[in-house]
All heavy atoms as atom14 arrays in JSON, in Angstrom:
{
  "sequence": "ALLACQHDYKTYYTTCSDLINDLNAGVYEKTLAKRMR",
  "atom14_mask": [
    [1, 1, 1, 1, 1, 0, 0, 0, 0, 0, 0, 0, 0, 0],
    [1, 1, 1, 1, 1, 1, 1, 1, 0, 0, 0, 0, 0, 0],
    [1, 1, 1, 1, 1, 1, 1, 1, 0, 0, 0, 0, 0, 0],
    [1, 1, 1, 1, 1, 0, 0, 0, 0, 0, 0, 0, 0, 0],
    [1, 1, 1, 1, 1, 1, 0, 0, 0, 0, 0, 0, 0, 0],
    [1, 1, 1, 1, 1, 1, 1, 1, 1, 0, 0, 0, 0, 0],
    [1, 1, 1, 1, 1, 1, 1, 1, 1, 1, 0, 0, 0, 0],
    [1, 1, 1, 1, 1, 1, 1, 1, 0, 0, 0, 0, 0, 0],
    [1, 1, 1, 1, 1, 1, 1, 1, 1, 1, 1, 1, 0, 0],
    [1, 1, 1, 1, 1, 1, 1, 1, 1, 0, 0, 0, 0, 0],
    [1, 1, 1, 1, 1, 1, 1, 0, 0, 0, 0, 0, 0, 0],
    [1, 1, 1, 1, 1, 1, 1, 1, 1, 1, 1, 1, 0, 0],
    [1, 1, 1, 1, 1, 1, 1, 1, 1, 1, 1, 1, 0, 0],
    [1, 1, 1, 1, 1, 1, 1, 0, 0, 0, 0, 0, 0, 0],
    [1, 1, 1, 1, 1, 1, 1, 0, 0, 0, 0, 0, 0, 0],
    [1, 1, 1, 1, 1, 1, 0, 0, 0, 0, 0, 0, 0, 0],
    [1, 1, 1, 1, 1, 1, 0, 0, 0, 0, 0, 0, 0, 0],
    [1, 1, 1, 1, 1, 1, 1, 1, 0, 0, 0, 0, 0, 0],
    [1, 1, 1, 1, 1, 1, 1, 1, 0, 0, 0, 0, 0, 0],
    [1, 1, 1, 1, 1, 1, 1, 1, 0, 0, 0, 0, 0, 0],
    [1, 1, 1, 1, 1, 1, 1, 1, 0, 0, 0, 0, 0, 0],
    [1, 1, 1, 1, 1, 1, 1, 1, 0, 0, 0, 0, 0, 0],
    [1, 1, 1, 1, 1, 1, 1, 1, 0, 0, 0, 0, 0, 0],
    [1, 1, 1, 1, 1, 1, 1, 1, 0, 0, 0, 0, 0, 0],
    [1, 1, 1, 1, 1, 0, 0, 0, 0, 0, 0, 0, 0, 0],
    [1, 1, 1, 1, 0, 0, 0, 0, 0, 0, 0, 0, 0, 0],
    [1, 1, 1, 1, 1, 1, 1, 0, 0, 0, 0, 0, 0, 0],
    [1, 1, 1, 1, 1, 1, 1, 1, 1, 1, 1, 1, 0, 0],
    [1, 1, 1, 1, 1, 1, 1, 1, 1, 0, 0, 0, 0, 0],
    [1, 1, 1, 1, 1, 1, 1, 1, 1, 0, 0, 0, 0, 0],
    [1, 1, 1, 1, 1, 1, 1, 0, 0, 0, 0, 0, 0, 0],
    [1, 1, 1, 1, 1, 1, 1, 1, 0, 0, 0, 0, 0, 0],
    [1, 1, 1, 1, 1, 0, 0, 0, 0, 0, 0, 0, 0, 0],
    [1, 1, 1, 1, 1, 1, 1, 1, 1, 0, 0, 0, 0, 0],
    [1, 1, 1, 1, 1, 1, 1, 1, 1, 1, 1, 0, 0, 0],
    [1, 1, 1, 1, 1, 1, 1, 1, 0, 0, 0, 0, 0, 0],
    [1, 1, 1, 1, 1, 1, 1, 1, 1, 1, 1, 0, 0, 0]
  ],
  "atom14_positions": [
    [[-44.25, -75.35, -2.54], [-45.06, -76.06, -3.57], [-44.43, -75.82, -4.95], [-44.35, -76.77, -5.69], [-46.47, -75.43, -3.58], [0.0, 0.0, 0.0], [0.0, 0.0, 0.0], [0.0, 0.0, 0.0], [0.0, 0.0, 0.0], [0.0, 0.0, 0.0], [0.0, 0.0, 0.0], [0.0, 0.0, 0.0], [0.0, 0.0, 0.0], [0.0, 0.0, 0.0]],
    [[-43.85, -74.65, -5.21], [-43.14, -74.39, -6.42], [-41.95, -75.28, -6.6], [-41.68, -75.88, -7.65], [-42.75, -72.9, -6.57], [-42.01, -72.55, -7.8], [-42.74, -72.84, -9.12], [-41.64, -71.03, -7.79], [0.0, 0.0, 0.0], [0.0, 0.0, 0.0], [0.0, 0.0, 0.0], [0.0, 0.0, 0.0], [0.0, 0.0, 0.0], [0.0, 0.0, 0.0]],
    [[-41.16, -75.36, -5.53], [-39.99, -76.28, -5.49], [-40.4, -77.71, -5.73], [-39.69, -78.47, -6.44], [-39.3, -76.12, -4.12], [-38.48, -74.87, -3.87], [-38.0, -74.77, -2.39], [-37.24, -74.83, -4.79], [0.0, 0.0, 0.0], [0.0, 0.0, 0.0], [0.0, 0.0, 0.0], [0.0, 0.0, 0.0], [0.0, 0.0, 0.0], [0.0, 0.0, 0.0]],
    [[-41.54, -78.16, -5.12], [-42.01, -79.49, -5.37], [-42.28, -79.71, -6.87], [-41.89, -80.78, -7.42], [-43.26, -79.72, -4.55], [0.0, 0.0, 0.0], [0.0, 0.0, 0.0], [0.0, 0.0, 0.0], [0.0, 0.0, 0.0], [0.0, 0.0, 0.0], [0.0, 0.0, 0.0], [0.0, 0.0, 0.0], [0.0, 0.0, 0.0], [0.0, 0.0, 0.0]],
    [[-42.93, -78.77, -7.48], [-43.15, -78.9, -8.96], [-41.84, -78.97, -9.7], [-41.69, -79.85, -10.62], [-43.92, -77.73, -9.48], [-45.6, -77.55, -8.9], [0.0, 0.0, 0.0], [0.0, 0.0, 0.0], [0.0, 0.0, 0.0], [0.0, 0.0, 0.0], [0.0, 0.0, 0.0], [0.0, 0.0, 0.0], [0.0, 0.0, 0.0], [0.0, 0.0, 0.0]],
    [[-40.9, -78.19, -9.36], [-39.58, -78.18, -10.0], [-38.82, -79.45, -9.74], [-37.88, -79.75, -10.54], [-38.79, -76.95, -9.54], [-39.33, -75.64, -9.99], [-38.72, -74.48, -9.34], [-38.12, -74.52, -8.23], [-38.8, -73.25, -9.92], [0.0, 0.0, 0.0], [0.0, 0.0, 0.0], [0.0, 0.0, 0.0], [0.0, 0.0, 0.0], [0.0, 0.0, 0.0]],
    [[-39.17, -80.23, -8.75], [-38.5, -81.54, -8.48], [-39.41, -82.71, -8.82], [-39.29, -83.78, -8.3], [-38.08, -81.59, -7.01], [-36.84, -80.72, -6.72], [-36.96, -79.34, -6.58], [-35.57, -81.01, -6.55], [-35.73, -78.89, -6.37], [-34.88, -79.86, -6.29], [0.0, 0.0, 0.0], [0.0, 0.0, 0.0], [0.0, 0.0, 0.0], [0.0, 0.0, 0.0]],
    [[-40.34, -82.41, -9.76], [-41.19, -83.52, -10.33], [-42.19, -84.12, -9.44], [-42.63, -85.31, -9.55], [-40.25, -84.64, -10.92], [-40.89, -85.33, -12.03], [-41.74, -84.77, -12.76], [-40.64, -86.58, -12.23], [0.0, 0.0, 0.0], [0.0, 0.0, 0.0], [0.0, 0.0, 0.0], [0.0, 0.0, 0.0], [0.0, 0.0, 0.0], [0.0, 0.0, 0.0]],
    [[-42.62, -83.36, -8.39], [-43.74, -83.83, -7.58], [-45.06, -83.25, -8.06], [-45.12, -82.03, -8.3], [-43.53, -83.44, -6.16], [-42.43, -84.14, -5.41], [-41.21, -83.46, -5.16], [-42.52, -85.51, -5.01], [-40.16, -84.17, -4.48], [-41.47, -86.16, -4.38], [-40.35, -85.53, -4.11], [-39.32, -86.15, -3.55], [0.0, 0.0, 0.0], [0.0, 0.0, 0.0]],
    [[-46.06, -84.06, -8.26], [-47.35, -83.58, -8.59], [-47.93, -82.81, -7.42], [-48.08, -83.36, -6.35], [-48.26, -84.75, -9.07], [-49.62, -84.26, -9.54], [-50.49, -85.48, -9.95], [-51.85, -85.02, -10.42], [-52.73, -86.19, -10.76], [0.0, 0.0, 0.0], [0.0, 0.0, 0.0], [0.0, 0.0, 0.0], [0.0, 0.0, 0.0], [0.0, 0.0, 0.0]],
    [[-48.3, -81.55, -7.68], [-48.63, -80.7, -6.55], [-49.97, -80.01, -6.91], [-50.26, -79.67, -8.09], [-47.6, -79.6, -6.34], [-46.37, -80.24, -6.06], [-47.93, -78.69, -5.2], [0.0, 0.0, 0.0], [0.0, 0.0, 0.0], [0.0, 0.0, 0.0], [0.0, 0.0, 0.0], [0.0, 0.0, 0.0], [0.0, 0.0, 0.0], [0.0, 0.0, 0.0]],
    [[-50.79, -79.7, -5.93], [-52.06, -78.97, -6.1], [-52.25, -77.95, -4.98], [-52.05, -78.28, -3.83], [-53.26, -79.85, -6.2], [-54.46, -79.25, -6.75], [-54.62, -79.13, -8.07], [-55.46, -78.71, -5.93], [-55.77, -78.5, -8.67], [-56.59, -78.06, -6.42], [-56.67, -77.99, -7.88], [-57.78, -77.36, -8.38], [0.0, 0.0, 0.0], [0.0, 0.0, 0.0]],
    [[-52.61, -76.74, -5.36], [-52.82, -75.64, -4.46], [-54.27, -75.29, -4.43], [-54.96, -75.13, -5.45], [-51.98, -74.39, -4.84], [-52.33, -73.18, -4.04], [-51.64, -72.89, -2.87], [-53.34, -72.3, -4.47], [-51.97, -71.73, -2.13], [-53.71, -71.22, -3.75], [-52.99, -70.93, -2.58], [-53.34, -69.8, -1.82], [0.0, 0.0, 0.0], [0.0, 0.0, 0.0]],
    [[-54.8, -74.97, -3.23], [-56.2, -74.51, -3.07], [-56.27, -73.73, -1.75], [-55.5, -73.92, -0.84], [-57.23, -75.65, -3.07], [-58.57, -75.09, -2.92], [-56.98, -76.6, -1.9], [0.0, 0.0, 0.0], [0.0, 0.0, 0.0], [0.0, 0.0, 0.0], [0.0, 0.0, 0.0], [0.0, 0.0, 0.0], [0.0, 0.0, 0.0], [0.0, 0.0, 0.0]],
    [[-57.22, -72.81, -1.71], [-57.47, -72.17, -0.4], [-58.5, -73.09, 0.24], [-59.21, -73.97, -0.38], [-58.11, -70.78, -0.53], [-59.35, -70.87, -1.28], [-57.17, -69.8, -1.33], [0.0, 0.0, 0.0], [0.0, 0.0, 0.0], [0.0, 0.0, 0.0], [0.0, 0.0, 0.0], [0.0, 0.0, 0.0], [0.0, 0.0, 0.0], [0.0, 0.0, 0.0]],
    [[-58.61, -73.0, 1.65], [-59.51, -73.86, 2.32], [-60.96, -73.62, 1.87], [-61.74, -74.55, 1.67], [-59.38, -73.54, 3.82], [-60.24, -74.71, 4.9], [0.0, 0.0, 0.0], [0.0, 0.0, 0.0], [0.0, 0.0, 0.0], [0.0, 0.0, 0.0], [0.0, 0.0, 0.0], [0.0, 0.0, 0.0], [0.0, 0.0, 0.0], [0.0, 0.0, 0.0]],
    [[-61.34, -72.35, 1.71], [-62.72, -72.06, 1.32], [-63.04, -72.52, -0.07], [-64.1, -73.06, -0.32], [-63.0, -70.57, 1.38], [-62.17, -69.81, 0.51], [0.0, 0.0, 0.0], [0.0, 0.0, 0.0], [0.0, 0.0, 0.0], [0.0, 0.0, 0.0], [0.0, 0.0, 0.0], [0.0, 0.0, 0.0], [0.0, 0.0, 0.0], [0.0, 0.0, 0.0]],
    [[-62.02, -72.43, -0.99], [-62.33, -72.94, -2.36], [-62.53, -74.46, -2.38], [-63.33, -74.99, -3.07], [-61.12, -72.55, -3.28], [-61.2, -71.14, -3.75], [-62.22, -70.49, -3.55], [-60.18, -70.66, -4.32], [0.0, 0.0, 0.0], [0.0, 0.0, 0.0], [0.0, 0.0, 0.0], [0.0, 0.0, 0.0], [0.0, 0.0, 0.0], [0.0, 0.0, 0.0]],
    [[-61.68, -75.18, -1.54], [-61.77, -76.63, -1.42], [-63.18, -77.0, -0.94], [-63.83, -77.87, -1.5], [-60.68, -77.12, -0.56], [-60.7, -78.66, -0.26], [-59.25, -79.14, -0.08], [-61.5, -79.08, 0.94], [0.0, 0.0, 0.0], [0.0, 0.0, 0.0], [0.0, 0.0, 0.0], [0.0, 0.0, 0.0], [0.0, 0.0, 0.0], [0.0, 0.0, 0.0]],
    [[-63.61, -76.38, 0.13], [-64.88, -76.74, 0.7], [-66.05, -76.37, -0.17], [-66.99, -77.19, -0.37], [-65.07, -76.02, 2.07], [-64.07, -76.64, 3.07], [-66.5, -76.12, 2.61], [-64.13, -75.86, 4.43], [0.0, 0.0, 0.0], [0.0, 0.0, 0.0], [0.0, 0.0, 0.0], [0.0, 0.0, 0.0], [0.0, 0.0, 0.0], [0.0, 0.0, 0.0]],
    [[-65.99, -75.26, -0.82], [-67.06, -74.86, -1.83], [-67.12, -75.84, -2.99], [-68.17, -76.22, -3.47], [-66.81, -73.49, -2.29], [-67.17, -72.46, -1.23], [-68.0, -72.69, -0.35], [-66.6, -71.29, -1.34], [0.0, 0.0, 0.0], [0.0, 0.0, 0.0], [0.0, 0.0, 0.0], [0.0, 0.0, 0.0], [0.0, 0.0, 0.0], [0.0, 0.0, 0.0]],
    [[-65.93, -76.3, -3.44], [-65.82, -77.19, -4.54], [-66.45, -78.54, -4.18], [-67.27, -79.17, -4.9], [-64.34, -77.41, -4.93], [-64.24, -78.28, -6.18], [-65.06, -78.17, -7.07], [-63.28, -79.03, -6.26], [0.0, 0.0, 0.0], [0.0, 0.0, 0.0], [0.0, 0.0, 0.0], [0.0, 0.0, 0.0], [0.0, 0.0, 0.0], [0.0, 0.0, 0.0]],
    [[-66.13, -79.11, -2.97], [-66.64, -80.36, -2.59], [-68.15, -80.26, -2.27], [-68.87, -81.18, -2.5], [-65.87, -80.86, -1.27], [-64.44, -81.15, -1.51], [-63.81, -81.71, -0.24], [-64.25, -82.13, -2.7], [0.0, 0.0, 0.0], [0.0, 0.0, 0.0], [0.0, 0.0, 0.0], [0.0, 0.0, 0.0], [0.0, 0.0, 0.0], [0.0, 0.0, 0.0]],
    [[-68.61, -79.11, -1.74], [-70.03, -78.92, -1.58], [-70.79, -78.93, -2.86], [-71.86, -79.6, -2.93], [-70.3, -77.59, -0.9], [-70.61, -77.66, 0.58], [-71.22, -78.61, 1.02], [-70.16, -76.69, 1.35], [0.0, 0.0, 0.0], [0.0, 0.0, 0.0], [0.0, 0.0, 0.0], [0.0, 0.0, 0.0], [0.0, 0.0, 0.0], [0.0, 0.0, 0.0]],
    [[-70.23, -78.42, -3.89], [-70.88, -78.44, -5.24], [-70.86, -79.92, -5.66], [-71.85, -80.28, -6.34], [-70.06, -77.54, -6.2], [0.0, 0.0, 0.0], [0.0, 0.0, 0.0], [0.0, 0.0, 0.0], [0.0, 0.0, 0.0], [0.0, 0.0, 0.0], [0.0, 0.0, 0.0], [0.0, 0.0, 0.0], [0.0, 0.0, 0.0], [0.0, 0.0, 0.0]],
    [[-69.8, -80.69, -5.35], [-69.79, -82.03, -5.76], [-70.84, -82.9, -5.08], [-71.39, -83.85, -5.63], [0.0, 0.0, 0.0], [0.0, 0.0, 0.0], [0.0, 0.0, 0.0], [0.0, 0.0, 0.0], [0.0, 0.0, 0.0], [0.0, 0.0, 0.0], [0.0, 0.0, 0.0], [0.0, 0.0, 0.0], [0.0, 0.0, 0.0], [0.0, 0.0, 0.0]],
    [[-71.22, -82.54, -3.86], [-72.3, -83.24, -3.16], [-73.6, -83.03, -3.91], [-74.37, -83.97, -4.17], [-72.35, -82.78, -1.72], [-73.63, -83.3, -1.04], [-71.19, -83.13, -0.9], [0.0, 0.0, 0.0], [0.0, 0.0, 0.0], [0.0, 0.0, 0.0], [0.0, 0.0, 0.0], [0.0, 0.0, 0.0], [0.0, 0.0, 0.0], [0.0, 0.0, 0.0]],
    [[-73.93, -81.8, -4.26], [-75.16, -81.45, -4.91], [-75.19, -81.96, -6.35], [-76.29, -82.32, -6.79], [-75.41, -79.89, -4.85], [-75.67, -79.39, -3.46], [-74.73, -78.61, -2.82], [-76.82, -79.79, -2.73], [-74.97, -78.14, -1.5], [-77.09, -79.28, -1.5], [-76.13, -78.55, -0.87], [-76.33, -78.04, 0.4], [0.0, 0.0, 0.0], [0.0, 0.0, 0.0]],
    [[-74.07, -81.99, -6.99], [-74.03, -82.38, -8.41], [-73.66, -83.89, -8.56], [-73.61, -84.37, -9.71], [-73.02, -81.58, -9.2], [-73.35, -80.09, -9.22], [-72.22, -79.28, -9.83], [-71.22, -79.82, -10.28], [-72.35, -77.98, -9.81], [0.0, 0.0, 0.0], [0.0, 0.0, 0.0], [0.0, 0.0, 0.0], [0.0, 0.0, 0.0], [0.0, 0.0, 0.0]],
    [[-73.51, -84.55, -7.43], [-73.15, -85.98, -7.41], [-71.85, -86.22, -8.17], [-71.74, -87.22, -8.83], [-74.34, -86.8, -8.03], [-75.67, -86.64, -7.27], [-76.64, -87.58, -7.73], [-78.07, -87.36, -7.08], [-77.94, -87.39, -5.64], [0.0, 0.0, 0.0], [0.0, 0.0, 0.0], [0.0, 0.0, 0.0], [0.0, 0.0, 0.0], [0.0, 0.0, 0.0]],
    [[-70.89, -85.34, -7.99], [-69.55, -85.5, -8.6], [-68.49, -85.45, -7.47], [-67.33, -85.14, -7.79], [-69.24, -84.41, -9.59], [-69.39, -83.13, -8.96], [-70.22, -84.48, -10.75], [0.0, 0.0, 0.0], [0.0, 0.0, 0.0], [0.0, 0.0, 0.0], [0.0, 0.0, 0.0], [0.0, 0.0, 0.0], [0.0, 0.0, 0.0], [0.0, 0.0, 0.0]],
    [[-68.93, -85.81, -6.22], [-67.96, -85.62, -5.13], [-66.71, -86.5, -5.33], [-65.59, -86.05, -5.09], [-68.62, -85.97, -3.82], [-67.81, -85.91, -2.52], [-67.28, -84.44, -2.42], [-68.55, -86.36, -1.29], [0.0, 0.0, 0.0], [0.0, 0.0, 0.0], [0.0, 0.0, 0.0], [0.0, 0.0, 0.0], [0.0, 0.0, 0.0], [0.0, 0.0, 0.0]],
    [[-66.85, -87.73, -5.69], [-65.72, -88.68, -5.83], [-64.68, -88.12, -6.84], [-63.52, -88.16, -6.61], [-66.21, -90.04, -6.21], [0.0, 0.0, 0.0], [0.0, 0.0, 0.0], [0.0, 0.0, 0.0], [0.0, 0.0, 0.0], [0.0, 0.0, 0.0], [0.0, 0.0, 0.0], [0.0, 0.0, 0.0], [0.0, 0.0, 0.0], [0.0, 0.0, 0.0]],
    [[-65.22, -87.58, -7.94], [-64.33, -87.11, -8.98], [-63.57, -85.86, -8.49], [-62.43, -85.71, -8.73], [-65.14, -86.75, -10.23], [-64.36, -86.16, -11.34], [-65.2, -85.79, -12.53], [-64.42, -85.11, -13.7], [-65.26, -84.82, -14.86], [0.0, 0.0, 0.0], [0.0, 0.0, 0.0], [0.0, 0.0, 0.0], [0.0, 0.0, 0.0], [0.0, 0.0, 0.0]],
    [[-64.29, -84.98, -7.81], [-63.7, -83.79, -7.3], [-62.69, -84.11, -6.21], [-61.68, -83.4, -6.14], [-64.77, -82.81, -6.78], [-65.65, -82.24, -7.81], [-66.79, -81.39, -7.26], [-67.77, -80.98, -8.2], [-67.84, -79.79, -8.74], [-66.99, -78.79, -8.3], [-68.77, -79.43, -9.63], [0.0, 0.0, 0.0], [0.0, 0.0, 0.0], [0.0, 0.0, 0.0]],
    [[-62.96, -85.11, -5.38], [-61.96, -85.45, -4.32], [-60.68, -85.92, -4.87], [-59.62, -85.58, -4.28], [-62.55, -86.57, -3.46], [-63.63, -86.02, -2.41], [-64.03, -87.36, -1.26], [-62.42, -87.81, -0.53], [0.0, 0.0, 0.0], [0.0, 0.0, 0.0], [0.0, 0.0, 0.0], [0.0, 0.0, 0.0], [0.0, 0.0, 0.0], [0.0, 0.0, 0.0]],
    [[-60.67, -86.58, -6.04], [-59.39, -87.08, -6.59], [-58.46, -85.91, -6.88], [-57.21, -86.09, -6.9], [-59.7, -87.89, -7.83], [-60.25, -89.29, -7.54], [-60.22, -90.15, -8.74], [-61.13, -89.75, -9.85], [-62.38, -90.11, -9.88], [-62.9, -90.92, -8.97], [-63.13, -89.75, -10.87], [0.0, 0.0, 0.0], [0.0, 0.0, 0.0], [0.0, 0.0, 0.0]]
  ]
}
């Protein structure tokens, strides 16, 4: 992922649990579409 950043690729890192918790919050807060992007 670091190499990808160094070669101008837009990259994003997350743990599986952080991703799921974030999207779950999006469901309850009605911000799922924004969080998915």
